[in-house]
Amino acid sequence: MITYELMLIINPQVSDAEAAEIVEKAKKILTDEKAEILNEDRLGRKKFSHPIGKNRDGFYVYMKVKAAPGSVKNINHNLKLQESILRAMMLKTVLEPVKKA
């Protein structure tokens, strides 16, 4: 199992309750692929530097996940199929070695 960081951007036109439901669907997609959610942080609504489609802002959700390398492709595919998710990006976490003083 490798640690990954997942960033979701949810359509700003959905309500807070719907956004919470979308996050729960994303969690279900992760757990269906045998991934373990280590940390979740809902960053709230943020403005984009450039529009995505016709949207100028979106709800950001950050998750730290442990998953098998083979399941990442399926997770990304299933997240991108969700209509309310504007962007989904999953990156491998790189740990920097500790420097001795």
Protein backbone atom coordinates (compact mmCIF):
# COMPACT_ATOMS: atom_id res chain seq x y z
CA MET A 1 0.00 0.00 0.00
CA ILE A 2 1.29 3.42 -0.99
CA THR A 3 0.19 6.79 0.43
CA TYR A 4 -1.52 9.16 -2.01
CA GLU A 5 -2.97 12.66 -1.80
CA LEU A 6 -6.37 13.16 -3.44
CA MET A 7 -7.76 16.59 -4.30
CA LEU A 8 -11.37 16.92 -5.42
CA ILE A 9 -12.99 20.07 -6.80
CA ILE A 10 -16.79 19.92 -6.60
CA ASN A 11 -19.19 22.01 -8.68
CA PRO A 12 -20.07 25.21 -6.76
CA GLN A 13 -23.71 25.11 -7.87
CA VAL A 14 -24.53 22.24 -5.51
CA SER A 15 -25.68 22.92 -1.95
CA ASP A 16 -23.58 22.13 1.12
CA ALA A 17 -25.69 19.03 1.82
CA GLU A 18 -25.22 17.80 -1.76
CA ALA A 19 -21.47 18.49 -1.54
CA ALA A 20 -21.30 16.35 1.63
CA GLU A 21 -23.17 13.59 -0.22
CA ILE A 22 -20.69 13.79 -3.13
CA VAL A 23 -17.78 13.48 -0.69
CA GLU A 24 -19.44 10.39 0.82
CA LYS A 25 -19.78 8.89 -2.69
CA ALA A 26 -16.08 9.57 -3.29
CA LYS A 27 -15.25 7.83 0.00
CA LYS A 28 -17.35 4.84 -1.07
CA ILE A 29 -15.45 4.68 -4.38
CA LEU A 30 -12.20 4.62 -2.41
CA THR A 31 -13.32 1.95 0.04
CA ASP A 32 -14.73 -0.21 -2.79
CA GLU A 33 -11.19 -0.29 -4.22
CA LYS A 34 -9.81 -1.38 -0.82
CA ALA A 35 -8.25 2.03 -0.12
CA GLU A 36 -7.88 3.35 3.42
CA ILE A 37 -8.70 7.02 4.09
CA LEU A 38 -6.12 8.42 6.52
CA ASN A 39 -7.16 12.07 6.59
CA GLU A 40 -9.92 14.24 5.15
CA ASP A 41 -9.99 18.02 5.04
CA ARG A 42 -12.84 20.02 3.52
CA LEU A 43 -11.20 23.26 2.47
CA GLY A 44 -14.46 24.95 1.44
CA ARG A 45 -15.22 27.19 -1.51
CA LYS A 46 -12.22 28.73 -3.25
CA LYS A 47 -11.85 30.89 -6.34
CA PHE A 48 -10.03 29.54 -9.42
CA SER A 49 -7.20 31.42 -11.12
CA HIS A 50 -8.89 30.56 -14.43
CA PRO A 51 -12.38 29.19 -15.12
CA ILE A 52 -13.09 25.46 -15.37
CA GLY A 53 -15.90 25.23 -17.86
CA LYS A 54 -18.08 28.19 -16.88
CA ASN A 55 -17.28 27.94 -13.17
CA ARG A 56 -15.10 30.47 -11.38
CA ASP A 57 -15.00 28.71 -7.99
CA GLY A 58 -15.55 25.30 -6.42
CA PHE A 59 -15.60 23.27 -3.19
CA TYR A 60 -12.17 21.80 -2.45
CA VAL A 61 -11.75 18.52 -0.60
CA TYR A 62 -8.32 17.06 0.31
CA MET A 63 -7.84 13.43 1.35
CA LYS A 64 -4.79 11.41 2.29
CA VAL A 65 -5.31 7.81 1.18
CA LYS A 66 -3.45 4.50 1.35
CA ALA A 67 -4.14 2.40 -1.73
CA ALA A 68 -2.65 -0.32 -3.88
CA PRO A 69 -0.88 1.05 -6.98
CA GLY A 70 -3.11 -1.02 -9.28
CA SER A 71 -6.32 0.50 -7.94
CA VAL A 72 -5.37 4.16 -8.58
CA LYS A 73 -6.40 4.02 -12.23
CA ASN A 74 -9.86 2.67 -11.32
CA ILE A 75 -10.30 5.24 -8.56
CA ASN A 76 -9.43 8.15 -10.88
CA HIS A 77 -11.71 6.79 -13.60
CA ASN A 78 -14.68 6.38 -11.23
CA LEU A 79 -14.20 9.83 -9.68
CA LYS A 80 -14.05 11.52 -13.09
CA LEU A 81 -17.35 9.84 -14.06
CA GLN A 82 -19.14 11.78 -11.32
CA GLU A 83 -20.88 14.78 -12.92
CA SER A 84 -20.58 17.05 -9.89
CA ILE A 85 -16.80 16.58 -9.57
CA LEU A 86 -15.06 19.15 -11.77
CA ARG A 87 -11.53 17.85 -11.14
CA ALA A 88 -10.01 14.88 -9.34
CA MET A 89 -6.27 14.46 -8.97
CA MET A 90 -4.45 11.71 -7.11
CA LEU A 91 -0.71 12.08 -6.50
CA LYS A 92 1.79 9.78 -4.83
CA THR A 93 3.16 11.25 -1.61
CA VAL A 94 6.93 11.62 -1.62
CA LEU A 95 8.62 11.59 1.74
CA GLU A 96 11.82 13.59 1.95
CA PRO A 97 14.63 12.04 4.02
CA VAL A 98 15.43 13.79 7.28
CA LYS A 99 18.75 15.66 7.12
CA LYS A 100 21.10 15.26 10.05
CA ALA A 101 22.42 18.51 11.48
